[in-house]
Amino acid sequence: MALPYKLVETGRKCIGLAVLQTDETLENDMRRLLPADVDVYVSRVPSGTTVSSDTLAGMAQVLTSATALFPPGLTFDAIGYGCTSGTAEIGPAKIASLVRAGAQTSAFTEPVSALVAACHRQNITRIGLISPYVAEVSAKLRQVLAANGITVTSFASFDEPEERNVVRIDPADIHAAAIGLQGDFDAIFLSCTNLRTLDVIGPISAEIGKPVMSSNQVLADHLMELIA
């Protein structure tokens, strides 16, 4: 005998995260940044163990199939793609199209568009950029930001191509790099969803007296703005 039941909806907002296979930071940061009353679903995107223009561009071939692995039939209030450099390489518009081909969502964002939105909201046009990327990847990100009215006036990079090393860069070294950044800028941006930046944003900002943003922080803020 089959038991009787009825179907109900939770009524909660829901967010999807397309997280890189090699990323060890974004999921944990999002658990801290997003409210507990928002449902979060994660799909992993196949990605290279090294960060280069070629490996980043290659994600365009697998992004739709990765987002198709979200629960079928679920319509998200917003989906976030968790790769700053990948967005810069492939392009925000194409990333959005690839994600929407695999999953149903009312809104979409990624760290580049999220950063642009945060800068426009705060009237920030000049940033200091701390990056883990090799030169070609950093250059592409700076080019995309410039096209959106944000000039990188100061720049420093750890020049690390291996993802497994990026996540293990000591947050104290990220803090020191940001404090030591010289130049004329309105804010500092700590780029890369895999960098462990969350605990140093506040201390850096307090020390330099300017806003400090990170990929994961702006992504979470923009997702919450989109589902409000």
Protein backbone atom coordinates (compact mmCIF):
# COMPACT_ATOMS: atom_id res chain seq x y z
CA MET A 1 0.00 0.00 0.00
CA ALA A 2 1.40 3.37 -1.04
CA LEU A 3 1.47 6.06 1.63
CA PRO A 4 -0.43 9.28 0.85
CA TYR A 5 1.55 12.47 0.40
CA LYS A 6 1.37 15.97 -1.05
CA LEU A 7 3.99 18.03 -2.87
CA VAL A 8 5.07 21.36 -1.38
CA GLU A 9 7.58 24.05 -2.31
CA THR A 10 10.05 25.44 0.23
CA GLY A 11 9.44 29.06 -0.76
CA ARG A 12 13.12 29.77 -0.20
CA LYS A 13 15.39 31.62 -2.60
CA CYS A 14 17.86 29.36 -4.37
CA ILE A 15 21.27 30.06 -5.87
CA GLY A 16 23.41 27.86 -8.10
CA LEU A 17 27.20 27.96 -8.07
CA ALA A 18 29.29 26.68 -10.96
CA VAL A 19 32.57 26.01 -9.14
CA LEU A 20 35.80 24.97 -10.83
CA GLN A 21 36.93 21.39 -10.28
CA THR A 22 40.23 22.71 -8.89
CA ASP A 23 38.73 25.35 -6.57
CA GLU A 24 39.06 24.59 -2.84
CA THR A 25 37.96 27.97 -1.49
CA LEU A 26 34.74 29.27 -3.07
CA GLU A 27 32.27 26.83 -1.52
CA ASN A 28 33.52 27.41 2.02
CA ASP A 29 33.54 31.19 1.54
CA MET A 30 29.99 31.14 0.20
CA ARG A 31 28.80 29.26 3.28
CA ARG A 32 30.08 32.21 5.30
CA LEU A 33 28.92 34.97 2.96
CA LEU A 34 25.42 33.84 1.95
CA PRO A 35 22.48 33.83 4.40
CA ALA A 36 21.45 30.51 5.90
CA ASP A 37 17.90 30.91 4.56
CA VAL A 38 19.09 30.79 0.93
CA ASP A 39 19.42 27.34 -0.65
CA VAL A 40 22.73 26.87 -2.51
CA TYR A 41 23.37 24.16 -5.09
CA VAL A 42 26.85 23.46 -6.48
CA SER A 43 28.01 21.93 -9.74
CA ARG A 44 31.67 21.40 -10.56
CA VAL A 45 33.17 22.57 -13.87
CA PRO A 46 36.04 20.48 -15.31
CA SER A 47 39.12 22.73 -15.29
CA GLY A 48 42.86 22.51 -15.81
CA THR A 49 45.32 22.07 -12.98
CA THR A 50 47.25 25.06 -14.35
CA VAL A 51 45.91 28.53 -15.16
CA SER A 52 46.70 29.75 -18.65
CA SER A 53 44.76 31.42 -21.45
CA ASP A 54 44.33 28.03 -23.14
CA THR A 55 43.04 26.15 -20.08
CA LEU A 56 40.66 28.99 -19.22
CA ALA A 57 39.29 29.20 -22.75
CA GLY A 58 38.78 25.43 -22.72
CA MET A 59 36.11 25.73 -20.06
CA ALA A 60 33.76 27.12 -22.70
CA GLN A 61 33.48 23.59 -24.07
CA VAL A 62 32.26 22.04 -20.81
CA LEU A 63 30.37 24.80 -19.00
CA THR A 64 26.93 23.97 -20.37
CA SER A 65 27.25 20.27 -19.58
CA ALA A 66 28.47 21.11 -16.06
CA THR A 67 25.52 23.39 -15.29
CA ALA A 68 23.16 20.79 -16.76
CA LEU A 69 24.09 18.66 -13.72
CA PHE A 70 22.13 20.92 -11.39
CA PRO A 71 18.87 19.29 -10.20
CA PRO A 72 16.64 18.92 -13.28
CA GLY A 73 13.56 21.11 -13.42
CA LEU A 74 14.85 23.53 -10.80
CA THR A 75 14.63 27.21 -11.70
CA PHE A 76 17.25 29.26 -9.87
CA ASP A 77 16.79 32.79 -8.65
CA ALA A 78 20.43 33.35 -9.67
CA ILE A 79 23.47 31.36 -10.75
CA GLY A 80 27.08 32.43 -10.21
CA TYR A 81 30.05 31.18 -12.21
CA GLY A 82 33.09 30.99 -9.96
CA CYS A 83 36.09 32.01 -12.03
CA THR A 84 37.38 35.55 -12.41
CA SER A 85 40.10 34.85 -14.98
CA GLY A 86 37.88 32.41 -16.89
CA THR A 87 35.22 35.08 -17.26
CA ALA A 88 37.79 37.56 -18.54
CA GLU A 89 39.13 35.04 -21.05
CA ILE A 90 35.81 33.73 -22.40
CA GLY A 91 33.78 36.91 -21.90
CA PRO A 92 30.87 37.63 -19.52
CA ALA A 93 28.19 37.51 -22.23
CA LYS A 94 29.33 34.15 -23.60
CA ILE A 95 29.67 32.70 -20.10
CA ALA A 96 26.09 33.75 -19.33
CA SER A 97 24.83 32.17 -22.56
CA LEU A 98 26.64 28.88 -21.89
CA VAL A 99 25.32 28.67 -18.33
CA ARG A 100 21.74 29.45 -19.37
CA ALA A 101 21.94 26.70 -22.00
CA GLY A 102 22.43 24.18 -19.20
CA ALA A 103 20.27 25.52 -16.38
CA GLN A 104 17.18 27.66 -15.83
CA THR A 105 17.85 30.87 -13.94
CA SER A 106 16.26 34.26 -13.51
CA ALA A 107 19.64 35.99 -13.13
CA PHE A 108 23.32 35.27 -13.67
CA THR A 109 26.62 36.76 -12.60
CA GLU A 110 30.34 36.06 -12.26
CA PRO A 111 33.19 37.84 -10.44
CA VAL A 112 34.01 40.27 -13.27
CA SER A 113 30.46 41.63 -13.64
CA ALA A 114 30.11 41.54 -9.85
CA LEU A 115 33.27 43.63 -9.45
CA VAL A 116 32.14 46.10 -12.11
CA ALA A 117 28.77 46.46 -10.33
CA ALA A 118 30.49 46.98 -6.97
CA CYS A 119 32.84 49.61 -8.41
CA HIS A 120 30.05 51.51 -10.15
CA ARG A 121 27.99 51.46 -6.96
CA GLN A 122 30.88 53.00 -5.01
CA ASN A 123 32.07 55.36 -7.79
CA ILE A 124 35.38 53.49 -7.97
CA THR A 125 37.24 53.91 -11.26
CA ARG A 126 40.85 53.10 -10.25
CA ILE A 127 41.83 49.90 -8.51
CA GLY A 128 44.94 48.25 -7.23
CA LEU A 129 44.94 44.62 -8.34
CA ILE A 130 46.52 41.69 -6.49
CA SER A 131 46.53 38.56 -8.64
CA PRO A 132 47.91 35.03 -8.41
CA TYR A 133 47.96 34.71 -12.21
CA VAL A 134 50.72 34.47 -14.79
CA ALA A 135 51.28 37.55 -16.96
CA GLU A 136 49.02 36.68 -19.92
CA VAL A 137 46.05 35.90 -17.68
CA SER A 138 46.49 39.05 -15.58
CA ALA A 139 46.77 41.17 -18.73
CA LYS A 140 43.46 39.86 -20.07
CA LEU A 141 41.65 40.68 -16.84
CA ARG A 142 43.06 44.20 -16.81
CA GLN A 143 41.95 44.66 -20.42
CA VAL A 144 38.38 43.56 -19.66
CA LEU A 145 38.16 45.82 -16.61
CA ALA A 146 39.44 48.78 -18.64
CA ALA A 147 36.68 48.15 -21.20
CA ASN A 148 34.21 48.54 -18.33
CA GLY A 149 35.62 51.86 -17.12
CA ILE A 150 37.86 50.47 -14.38
CA THR A 151 41.56 51.25 -14.67
CA VAL A 152 44.14 49.10 -12.90
CA THR A 153 46.57 51.76 -11.71
CA SER A 154 48.65 49.44 -9.51
CA PHE A 155 49.30 45.75 -9.99
CA ALA A 156 51.16 42.89 -8.33
CA SER A 157 51.01 39.13 -8.90
CA PHE A 158 52.24 35.95 -7.25
CA ASP A 159 52.77 34.63 -10.81
CA GLU A 160 51.61 31.13 -9.82
CA PRO A 161 50.22 28.89 -12.59
CA GLU A 162 49.39 25.84 -10.43
CA GLU A 163 45.89 25.88 -8.93
CA ARG A 164 46.90 23.58 -6.05
CA ASN A 165 49.48 26.20 -5.04
CA VAL A 166 47.18 29.20 -5.49
CA VAL A 167 44.82 27.97 -2.78
CA ARG A 168 47.77 27.42 -0.44
CA ILE A 169 49.21 30.93 -0.69
CA ASP A 170 49.37 32.13 2.91
CA PRO A 171 46.72 34.79 3.60
CA ALA A 172 49.44 36.65 5.50
CA ASP A 173 51.33 36.97 2.21
CA ILE A 174 48.20 38.29 0.49
CA HIS A 175 47.84 40.83 3.30
CA ALA A 176 51.48 41.89 2.96
CA ALA A 177 51.18 42.21 -0.82
CA ALA A 178 48.14 44.45 -0.55
CA ILE A 179 49.65 46.65 2.16
CA GLY A 180 52.78 47.05 0.08
CA LEU A 181 50.96 48.00 -3.10
CA GLN A 182 52.03 51.47 -4.21
CA GLY A 183 50.13 53.88 -6.44
CA ASP A 184 47.05 56.02 -6.82
CA PHE A 185 43.92 53.88 -6.52
CA ASP A 186 40.44 54.08 -4.98
CA ALA A 187 40.27 50.47 -3.80
CA ILE A 188 42.11 47.15 -3.90
CA PHE A 189 40.76 44.04 -5.58
CA LEU A 190 42.05 40.60 -4.56
CA SER A 191 41.40 38.51 -7.64
CA CYS A 192 40.70 34.75 -7.90
CA THR A 193 37.99 32.65 -6.26
CA ASN A 194 40.62 30.13 -5.13
CA LEU A 195 42.68 32.63 -3.09
CA ARG A 196 41.95 32.56 0.63
CA THR A 197 41.18 36.26 1.03
CA LEU A 198 38.08 36.43 3.21
CA ASP A 199 39.85 36.88 6.54
CA VAL A 200 42.26 39.56 5.33
CA ILE A 201 39.83 41.90 3.56
CA GLY A 202 38.85 43.73 6.75
CA PRO A 203 42.36 44.09 8.19
CA ILE A 204 43.77 45.37 4.89
CA SER A 205 40.95 47.90 4.50
CA ALA A 206 41.44 49.13 8.06
CA GLU A 207 45.15 49.55 7.50
CA ILE A 208 45.03 51.39 4.17
CA GLY A 209 41.80 53.30 4.83
CA LYS A 210 40.25 52.27 1.49
CA PRO A 211 37.75 49.64 0.32
CA VAL A 212 39.12 46.15 -0.30
CA MET A 213 37.17 43.64 -2.36
CA SER A 214 37.73 40.02 -3.37
CA SER A 215 36.32 37.78 -6.09
CA ASN A 216 34.23 35.73 -3.67
CA GLN A 217 33.00 38.70 -1.68
CA VAL A 218 31.78 40.69 -4.73
CA LEU A 219 30.25 37.54 -6.23
CA ALA A 220 28.25 36.85 -3.06
CA ASP A 221 27.15 40.48 -2.79
CA HIS A 222 26.02 40.59 -6.42
CA LEU A 223 24.12 37.30 -6.13
CA MET A 224 22.23 38.65 -3.11
CA GLU A 225 21.52 41.90 -4.95
CA LEU A 226 20.12 39.95 -7.92
CA ILE A 227 17.74 37.83 -5.83
CA ALA A 228 16.54 40.66 -3.58
